[in-house]
Protein backbone atom coordinates (compact mmCIF):
# COMPACT_ATOMS: atom_id res chain seq x y z
CA MET A 1 14.83 20.14 -96.00
CA PRO A 2 16.76 17.12 -97.05
CA ALA A 3 20.77 16.75 -97.20
CA PHE A 4 21.99 15.38 -100.41
CA GLU A 5 25.37 13.78 -101.00
CA TYR A 6 26.90 14.80 -104.07
CA GLN A 7 29.80 13.76 -107.06
CA ALA A 8 30.64 16.38 -109.45
CA LEU A 9 33.46 17.74 -111.82
CA ASP A 10 34.97 21.04 -111.99
CA GLY A 11 36.43 23.02 -114.98
CA ASP A 12 40.13 21.23 -114.78
CA GLY A 13 38.32 17.68 -114.25
CA ARG A 14 39.27 17.25 -110.90
CA THR A 15 35.96 15.32 -108.31
CA HIS A 16 34.31 16.99 -105.60
CA LYS A 17 32.27 15.07 -103.03
CA GLY A 18 30.87 16.76 -100.40
CA VAL A 19 26.77 17.31 -98.47
CA VAL A 20 24.49 19.98 -99.67
CA GLN A 21 21.15 20.27 -98.14
CA GLY A 22 18.19 20.79 -101.18
CA ASP A 23 14.43 20.82 -101.61
CA THR A 24 14.76 18.53 -104.43
CA PRO A 25 18.01 16.30 -106.63
CA LYS A 26 16.98 18.54 -109.24
CA ASN A 27 17.35 21.56 -107.09
CA VAL A 28 20.77 20.57 -105.82
CA ARG A 29 22.16 19.75 -108.91
CA GLN A 30 20.97 23.34 -110.17
CA GLY A 31 22.95 24.62 -107.49
CA LEU A 32 26.32 22.45 -108.29
CA ARG A 33 25.80 24.06 -111.95
CA ASP A 34 25.74 27.57 -110.61
CA ARG A 35 28.97 26.90 -108.60
CA GLY A 36 30.77 25.50 -111.92
CA LEU A 37 30.04 22.22 -111.12
CA VAL A 38 28.97 19.42 -113.22
CA PRO A 39 27.06 16.79 -111.32
CA LEU A 40 27.58 13.03 -111.20
CA ASN A 41 25.94 11.86 -108.65
CA VAL A 42 23.29 13.19 -105.92
CA VAL A 43 21.87 11.01 -103.36
CA GLU A 44 19.56 11.64 -100.49
CA VAL A 45 21.57 10.69 -97.17
CA ARG A 46 19.92 8.09 -95.52
CA GLU A 47 21.70 4.50 -94.10
CA ARG A 48 21.99 1.75 -97.06
CA PRO A 49 23.09 -1.10 -97.66
CA ALA A 50 27.23 -1.34 -98.06
CA ARG A 51 27.73 -1.96 -101.93
CA SER A 52 31.83 -2.15 -101.48
CA VAL A 53 34.34 -4.04 -99.02
CA PRO A 54 35.55 -0.29 -97.67
CA GLU A 55 31.83 0.99 -97.27
CA LEU A 56 31.24 -2.60 -95.45
CA PHE A 57 33.87 -2.05 -92.86
CA HIS A 58 32.84 1.95 -93.16
CA ARG A 59 29.37 2.76 -93.07
CA HIS A 60 28.26 3.61 -89.40
CA ILE A 61 29.78 4.95 -86.72
CA SER A 62 32.04 3.17 -84.26
CA GLY A 63 31.49 2.72 -80.45
CA SER A 64 34.05 5.23 -79.51
CA ASP A 65 33.12 7.97 -82.22
CA LEU A 66 29.17 7.61 -80.62
CA ALA A 67 30.98 7.83 -77.34
CA VAL A 68 32.88 10.73 -77.89
CA LEU A 69 29.99 12.64 -80.23
CA THR A 70 27.63 12.02 -77.66
CA ARG A 71 29.22 13.55 -74.62
CA GLN A 72 30.14 16.38 -77.02
CA TRP A 73 26.47 16.67 -78.22
CA ALA A 74 25.28 16.39 -74.62
CA THR A 75 27.70 19.78 -73.55
CA LEU A 76 25.94 21.97 -76.52
CA VAL A 77 22.84 21.10 -75.22
CA ARG A 78 23.55 21.40 -72.12
CA ALA A 79 25.04 25.31 -72.57
CA GLY A 80 21.38 26.08 -74.36
CA LEU A 81 22.24 25.68 -77.98
CA PRO A 82 19.10 24.70 -80.11
CA LEU A 83 19.27 21.57 -80.92
CA ASP A 84 19.88 22.35 -84.65
CA GLU A 85 22.56 24.16 -84.06
CA ALA A 86 24.06 22.06 -81.66
CA LEU A 87 23.73 19.45 -84.60
CA SER A 88 25.15 22.18 -87.34
CA ALA A 89 27.93 22.63 -84.62
CA LEU A 90 28.98 18.93 -84.32
CA GLY A 91 28.64 17.84 -88.23
CA ASP A 92 30.97 21.48 -88.61
CA GLU A 93 33.52 19.81 -85.93
CA ALA A 94 33.10 15.80 -86.90
CA GLY A 95 36.81 14.79 -88.53
CA ASP A 96 34.96 11.49 -89.95
CA PRO A 97 33.57 12.11 -93.11
CA THR A 98 31.31 8.72 -92.08
CA VAL A 99 30.20 10.76 -89.13
CA ARG A 100 29.52 14.51 -90.60
CA ARG A 101 26.99 12.73 -93.35
CA MET A 102 24.73 10.97 -90.88
CA LEU A 103 24.64 14.65 -88.72
CA ILE A 104 23.93 16.73 -91.88
CA GLY A 105 21.14 13.78 -92.61
CA VAL A 106 20.06 14.17 -89.13
CA ARG A 107 19.74 17.80 -89.08
CA ALA A 108 18.07 18.15 -92.24
CA LYS A 109 15.30 15.40 -90.67
CA VAL A 110 14.72 17.33 -87.81
CA MET A 111 14.37 20.37 -89.79
CA GLU A 112 11.82 18.85 -91.83
CA GLY A 113 9.77 18.76 -88.61
CA ARG A 114 10.39 15.10 -87.26
CA THR A 115 11.50 14.48 -83.68
CA LEU A 116 15.32 13.76 -82.88
CA ALA A 117 14.36 10.07 -82.26
CA GLU A 118 12.60 9.56 -85.49
CA SER A 119 15.43 11.35 -87.48
CA LEU A 120 18.25 9.39 -85.83
CA ALA A 121 15.65 6.11 -86.95
CA GLU A 122 17.29 7.19 -90.56
CA PHE A 123 20.87 5.50 -89.22
CA SER A 124 19.66 2.38 -86.72
CA GLU A 125 22.42 0.74 -87.46
CA SER A 126 24.66 3.40 -85.72
CA PHE A 127 22.40 4.85 -83.28
CA PRO A 128 20.88 1.50 -81.82
CA GLU A 129 17.11 1.03 -80.18
CA LEU A 130 18.40 1.97 -76.72
CA TYR A 131 19.92 5.07 -77.66
CA ARG A 132 16.55 6.13 -79.84
CA ALA A 133 14.30 5.18 -77.28
CA ALA A 134 16.36 6.73 -74.28
CA VAL A 135 16.46 10.13 -76.52
CA SER A 136 13.03 9.76 -77.50
CA ALA A 137 11.93 9.84 -73.72
CA GLY A 138 14.38 12.18 -72.68
CA GLU A 139 12.71 14.90 -75.89
CA GLN A 140 9.57 14.37 -74.12
CA SER A 141 10.39 14.99 -70.71
CA GLY A 142 12.43 18.20 -71.42
CA LYS A 143 15.44 15.71 -70.51
CA LEU A 144 17.64 15.87 -73.62
CA ASP A 145 20.84 17.03 -71.66
CA MET A 146 20.72 14.51 -68.91
CA VAL A 147 19.74 11.69 -70.89
CA LEU A 148 22.82 12.57 -73.39
CA GLU A 149 24.80 13.05 -70.36
CA ARG A 150 23.69 9.73 -69.32
CA LEU A 151 23.64 7.63 -72.60
CA ALA A 152 27.48 9.38 -73.08
CA SER A 153 28.93 7.88 -69.34
CA PHE A 154 27.13 4.78 -70.57
CA LEU A 155 28.76 4.41 -73.67
CA GLU A 156 32.44 5.61 -72.39
CA GLU A 157 31.94 3.05 -69.59
CA ARG A 158 31.31 0.27 -72.39
CA GLN A 159 34.83 1.00 -74.25
CA ALA A 160 36.40 1.07 -70.70
CA LEU A 161 35.46 -2.19 -70.20
CA GLY A 162 36.16 -3.45 -73.94
CA ARG A 163 39.26 -2.58 -74.24
CA LYS A 164 40.12 -3.70 -70.32
CA LEU A 165 39.07 -6.97 -71.78
CA LEU A 166 41.00 -6.80 -74.84
CA ALA A 167 44.47 -5.95 -73.18
CA ALA A 168 43.82 -9.11 -70.97
CA LEU A 169 43.40 -11.33 -73.15
CA ILE A 170 45.87 -10.35 -76.15
CA TYR A 171 48.53 -11.99 -74.29
CA PRO A 172 46.94 -15.72 -73.46
CA VAL A 173 45.35 -15.59 -77.12
CA LEU A 174 48.97 -14.43 -78.84
CA LEU A 175 50.43 -17.37 -76.91
CA THR A 176 47.94 -19.66 -77.91
CA LEU A 177 48.55 -18.59 -81.55
CA VAL A 178 52.79 -18.85 -81.70
CA ALA A 179 52.23 -21.85 -79.29
CA PHE A 180 50.14 -23.86 -82.44
CA ALA A 181 52.62 -22.30 -84.93
CA VAL A 182 55.54 -23.53 -83.78
CA VAL A 183 54.11 -27.02 -82.53
CA ILE A 184 52.65 -27.21 -86.29
CA GLY A 185 55.85 -25.69 -88.10
CA LEU A 186 58.24 -28.33 -86.26
CA MET A 187 55.97 -31.03 -86.82
CA ALA A 188 55.49 -30.14 -90.75
CA TYR A 189 58.71 -29.92 -91.89
CA VAL A 190 61.83 -29.63 -88.94
CA VAL A 191 61.27 -33.23 -87.62
CA PRO A 192 60.45 -35.25 -90.71
CA GLN A 193 63.66 -34.39 -91.95
CA VAL A 194 65.95 -34.68 -89.03
CA VAL A 195 64.09 -37.89 -87.89
CA GLY A 196 63.94 -39.11 -91.50
CA VAL A 197 67.90 -39.61 -91.18
CA PHE A 198 67.59 -41.85 -88.33
CA ALA A 199 64.80 -44.12 -90.27
CA ASP A 200 66.97 -44.47 -92.98
CA MET A 201 69.71 -45.91 -90.86
CA GLY A 202 67.81 -48.89 -89.47
CA GLY A 203 67.55 -50.21 -85.94
CA ALA A 204 65.26 -49.69 -83.23
CA LEU A 205 64.23 -46.45 -82.71
CA PRO A 206 63.36 -45.32 -79.49
CA TRP A 207 59.79 -45.14 -78.53
CA PRO A 208 59.17 -41.44 -78.57
CA THR A 209 61.01 -40.66 -82.30
CA ARG A 210 58.60 -43.34 -83.47
CA VAL A 211 55.51 -41.66 -82.05
CA LEU A 212 56.89 -38.11 -83.68
CA MET A 213 57.38 -40.21 -86.66
CA ALA A 214 54.18 -41.33 -86.62
CA ILE A 215 52.43 -38.14 -86.00
CA SER A 216 54.62 -35.92 -88.87
CA ALA A 217 53.69 -38.81 -91.30
CA VAL A 218 49.78 -38.81 -90.49
CA LEU A 219 50.23 -34.46 -90.41
CA GLU A 220 52.23 -34.95 -93.85
CA LEU A 221 49.22 -36.96 -95.35
CA VAL A 222 46.25 -35.86 -93.90
CA GLY A 223 47.11 -32.14 -92.82
CA PRO A 224 45.52 -30.39 -95.94
CA TYR A 225 42.33 -32.34 -95.58
CA LEU A 226 42.41 -31.94 -91.41
CA LEU A 227 42.64 -28.11 -92.45
CA ALA A 228 39.63 -28.24 -94.39
CA ALA A 229 37.38 -30.64 -92.13
CA THR A 230 38.28 -28.10 -89.70
CA VAL A 231 37.19 -25.35 -91.27
CA GLY A 232 34.11 -27.51 -92.53
CA GLY A 233 33.15 -28.08 -89.36
CA ALA A 234 34.33 -24.84 -87.80
CA THR A 235 31.44 -23.04 -90.74
CA ALA A 236 28.77 -25.68 -89.84
CA PHE A 237 28.80 -25.13 -86.51
CA VAL A 238 28.27 -21.12 -86.95
CA ILE A 239 25.39 -21.85 -89.18
CA ALA A 240 24.03 -24.24 -86.75
CA LEU A 241 24.26 -21.52 -84.36
CA ARG A 242 21.62 -19.50 -86.50
CA ARG A 243 19.19 -21.67 -85.06
CA PRO A 244 17.42 -19.99 -81.73
CA ALA A 245 17.07 -23.78 -80.46
CA LEU A 246 20.52 -25.16 -81.03
CA ARG A 247 22.09 -21.43 -80.06
CA SER A 248 20.41 -21.18 -76.72
CA ALA A 249 21.52 -25.15 -75.60
CA TRP A 250 24.75 -23.63 -76.43
CA HIS A 251 24.65 -21.28 -74.59
CA GLY A 252 23.61 -23.22 -71.69
CA LEU A 253 26.43 -25.17 -71.99
CA LEU A 254 28.97 -22.30 -71.72
CA LEU A 255 27.04 -20.92 -68.71
CA ARG A 256 27.57 -24.37 -66.90
CA LEU A 257 31.59 -24.18 -67.57
CA PRO A 258 33.84 -23.00 -64.60
CA LEU A 259 34.92 -19.84 -64.72
CA LEU A 260 34.08 -19.09 -68.16
CA GLY A 261 30.40 -19.10 -67.55
CA ALA A 262 30.47 -17.00 -63.98
CA LEU A 263 32.82 -14.87 -66.29
CA LEU A 264 29.86 -14.80 -69.47
CA ARG A 265 26.87 -14.57 -66.93
CA ALA A 266 28.59 -11.59 -65.09
CA GLN A 267 29.30 -9.54 -68.28
CA ASP A 268 25.44 -9.95 -69.69
CA SER A 269 24.16 -8.96 -66.36
CA ALA A 270 26.55 -6.09 -66.42
CA ARG A 271 25.25 -5.09 -69.55
CA PHE A 272 21.48 -5.78 -68.88
CA ALA A 273 21.57 -3.62 -65.30
CA ARG A 274 23.51 -0.61 -67.21
CA THR A 275 20.86 -0.58 -69.80
CA LEU A 276 17.66 -0.66 -67.54
CA SER A 277 19.00 1.81 -65.69
CA ILE A 278 19.74 4.31 -68.49
CA ALA A 279 16.26 2.96 -69.74
CA ILE A 280 14.73 4.10 -66.32
CA SER A 281 16.62 7.51 -65.80
CA ALA A 282 15.02 8.39 -69.40
CA SER A 283 11.55 7.80 -67.95
CA VAL A 284 11.15 4.90 -70.16
CA PRO A 285 8.13 2.89 -68.94
CA LEU A 286 10.02 -0.39 -66.75
CA LEU A 287 7.99 -3.09 -69.45
CA ASP A 288 9.75 -1.18 -72.23
CA ALA A 289 13.09 -0.38 -70.79
CA LEU A 290 13.02 -4.68 -69.89
CA LYS A 291 12.26 -5.17 -73.38
CA LEU A 292 15.52 -2.89 -74.33
CA GLY A 293 17.45 -4.56 -71.83
CA ALA A 294 16.73 -8.38 -73.36
CA ALA A 295 17.76 -7.09 -76.32
CA THR A 296 21.39 -6.02 -75.29
CA LEU A 297 21.82 -9.43 -73.83
CA THR A 298 23.78 -12.02 -75.89
CA LEU A 299 23.03 -14.85 -74.14
CA LEU A 300 19.70 -16.59 -74.99
CA PRO A 301 18.82 -18.02 -71.56
CA LEU A 302 19.17 -14.91 -69.95
CA ARG A 303 17.48 -13.23 -72.69
CA GLU A 304 14.83 -16.01 -72.09
CA ALA A 305 14.67 -15.31 -68.58
CA VAL A 306 14.00 -11.70 -69.07
CA GLN A 307 11.37 -12.31 -71.42
CA GLN A 308 9.37 -14.54 -69.15
CA ALA A 309 9.91 -11.68 -66.01
CA LEU A 310 8.43 -9.28 -68.44
CA MET A 311 5.41 -11.15 -68.63
CA ARG A 312 5.53 -11.79 -64.77
CA VAL A 313 6.05 -7.92 -64.52
CA ARG A 314 2.98 -7.01 -66.65
CA GLU A 315 0.62 -9.11 -64.58
CA GLY A 316 1.84 -7.24 -61.56
CA GLY A 317 4.73 -9.00 -59.95
CA SER A 318 7.64 -8.10 -59.30
CA LEU A 319 10.97 -7.77 -60.89
CA ALA A 320 13.55 -9.13 -58.40
CA ARG A 321 11.53 -11.96 -58.01
CA ALA A 322 10.84 -13.08 -61.28
CA LEU A 323 14.43 -12.32 -62.19
CA GLY A 324 15.87 -14.85 -58.76
CA GLU A 325 13.46 -17.51 -59.80
CA SER A 326 14.80 -17.79 -62.74
CA GLY A 327 17.95 -18.56 -61.71
CA ARG A 328 20.02 -16.87 -64.81
CA PHE A 329 21.23 -13.82 -62.56
CA PRO A 330 23.73 -13.29 -59.99
CA ALA A 331 21.93 -13.15 -56.57
CA LEU A 332 23.66 -9.98 -55.70
CA LEU A 333 21.76 -8.49 -58.28
CA VAL A 334 18.87 -9.85 -57.86
CA ARG A 335 18.92 -8.45 -54.38
CA LEU A 336 19.66 -5.19 -55.57
CA VAL A 337 16.69 -5.29 -57.65
CA GLY A 338 14.82 -5.87 -54.52
CA VAL A 339 15.87 -3.51 -52.50
CA GLY A 340 15.80 -0.89 -55.44
CA GLU A 341 11.94 -1.75 -55.90
CA LYS A 342 11.33 -1.57 -51.99
CA SER A 343 12.96 1.75 -52.03
CA GLY A 344 12.12 3.42 -55.14
CA GLU A 345 15.76 3.75 -56.43
CA LEU A 346 15.70 1.22 -58.84
CA GLU A 347 17.73 3.42 -60.56
CA PRO A 348 21.00 3.82 -58.32
CA MET A 349 20.73 -0.13 -57.86
CA LEU A 350 20.99 -0.92 -61.11
CA ASP A 351 23.96 1.22 -61.41
CA HIS A 352 25.43 -0.45 -57.98
CA GLY A 353 24.84 -3.51 -59.50
CA ALA A 354 26.12 -3.21 -62.98
CA GLU A 355 29.37 -1.69 -61.41
CA LEU A 356 29.55 -4.40 -59.31
CA GLN A 357 29.17 -7.18 -62.19
CA GLU A 358 31.48 -5.35 -64.01
CA LYS A 359 34.57 -5.58 -61.37
CA HIS A 360 33.30 -9.37 -60.78
CA VAL A 361 34.14 -9.66 -64.81
CA GLN A 362 37.36 -8.31 -64.23
CA ALA A 363 38.48 -10.35 -61.46
CA ARG A 364 36.92 -13.26 -63.10
CA LEU A 365 38.56 -12.80 -66.14
CA GLY A 366 41.67 -13.01 -64.26
CA ALA A 367 41.56 -15.70 -62.69
CA LEU A 368 40.85 -17.43 -66.25
CA ILE A 369 44.19 -15.79 -67.38
CA ALA A 370 45.78 -16.89 -64.51
CA VAL A 371 44.72 -20.69 -65.21
CA LEU A 372 45.43 -20.55 -68.88
CA GLU A 373 48.67 -19.45 -69.29
CA PRO A 374 50.20 -21.48 -67.02
CA LEU A 375 48.45 -24.10 -68.71
CA LEU A 376 49.38 -22.59 -72.20
CA ILE A 377 53.32 -22.61 -71.05
CA VAL A 378 52.87 -26.18 -69.48
CA PHE A 379 51.23 -27.68 -72.88
CA MET A 380 53.93 -25.45 -74.94
CA GLY A 381 57.07 -26.57 -73.22
CA GLY A 382 55.85 -30.24 -72.59
CA THR A 383 55.53 -30.80 -76.77
CA VAL A 384 58.44 -28.85 -77.44
CA LEU A 385 60.58 -31.04 -74.81
CA PHE A 386 59.17 -34.07 -76.14
CA ILE A 387 60.22 -33.11 -79.75
CA VAL A 388 63.59 -32.89 -78.21
CA LEU A 389 63.59 -35.85 -76.83
CA ALA A 390 62.52 -37.99 -79.66
CA ILE A 391 65.57 -36.12 -82.05
CA LEU A 392 68.08 -36.51 -79.43
CA LEU A 393 67.50 -40.15 -77.81
CA PRO A 394 68.21 -41.80 -81.21
CA ILE A 395 71.42 -39.53 -80.89
CA PHE A 396 72.81 -40.73 -77.72
CA GLY A 397 72.48 -44.49 -78.89
CA MET A 398 73.85 -43.87 -82.15
CA ASN A 399 76.22 -46.80 -81.65
CA ASP A 400 73.38 -49.19 -82.00
CA LEU A 401 71.91 -48.05 -84.78
CA ILE A 402 75.05 -47.70 -86.88
CA GLY A 403 76.08 -51.38 -85.24
CA ALA A 404 79.23 -51.85 -82.83
CA PRO A 405 81.73 -53.71 -83.94
């Protein structure tokens, strides 16, 4: 029985919204009338494009909500609760209306006789392909509870890593923004007024003052055009990156950068290894698991390497050898994959490799921040020192500017 979202008015003119189940929209409207409500809108629950700004930012389940939901779901299924009752209980407990609406919609599809994976596909933006593939394999193998637990752990670890990365990057980003804001504010507003006094006095000004006056004049003259050019260039760059060839070249350049390249490679490799491990634990065939793993990679050179590895594995080759020959993945991860293939323990080796790469990401990020923070401080301090000297030097030579008797 499908689920429908409704909006209706009561006898006092107050608006009521909710989700109910019914055979057809007509039956739902009749049910609302029987309750003394005047139906205004009745729409079947399904994922749909955003029609307003609030929906644009809140039309699917967030990563943190999905992690919590999956953990609760795994607990209920492990306890032996039937699937429809588990979905109903989750929907009743959900505090977010978006989550509640989707769960009711999924339950309605399940009650119609669809599989859980097919029901989740109606909300593909909230439940990614890896999630649906793992659930499908869990249904077929009878290990849905185990699959949901692994998915919950995977999502929780991904959220934890994201929070660590965000916490580590907050200070450098704020420092950079403050540094540029201070420098631009000084050059655009303070320096012209202070240094202009010395220019009106005549006489030879020190070279730092002349340089500062020239920079300030340029910013005042072409500042708006420079800002527009920067925004336009950034927009054009983003649009150009939509072309796969240019995006692949850009990603290749990023991978060759010191510190940053190793950080991006480790982060993508950890995501790939974790995804592959989840898929294999859910009894997804290796070739299908590689397709899912490739889809999670953000760097195109690594994705192309996995696609080439997939072709070699399909021909009977070794996954570790194919990944190693690409030269795109960390050597330690490749060796762990080789050990897993030989011992028949590929899943735990992939898990171990993902953990090591995640630790490597944190270590690389710490090293990058350790280099970046002093550079930012030195840049900001040097810039402010130059501005202060440019202002103080004419003051020290005031007698020369006024004209000594």
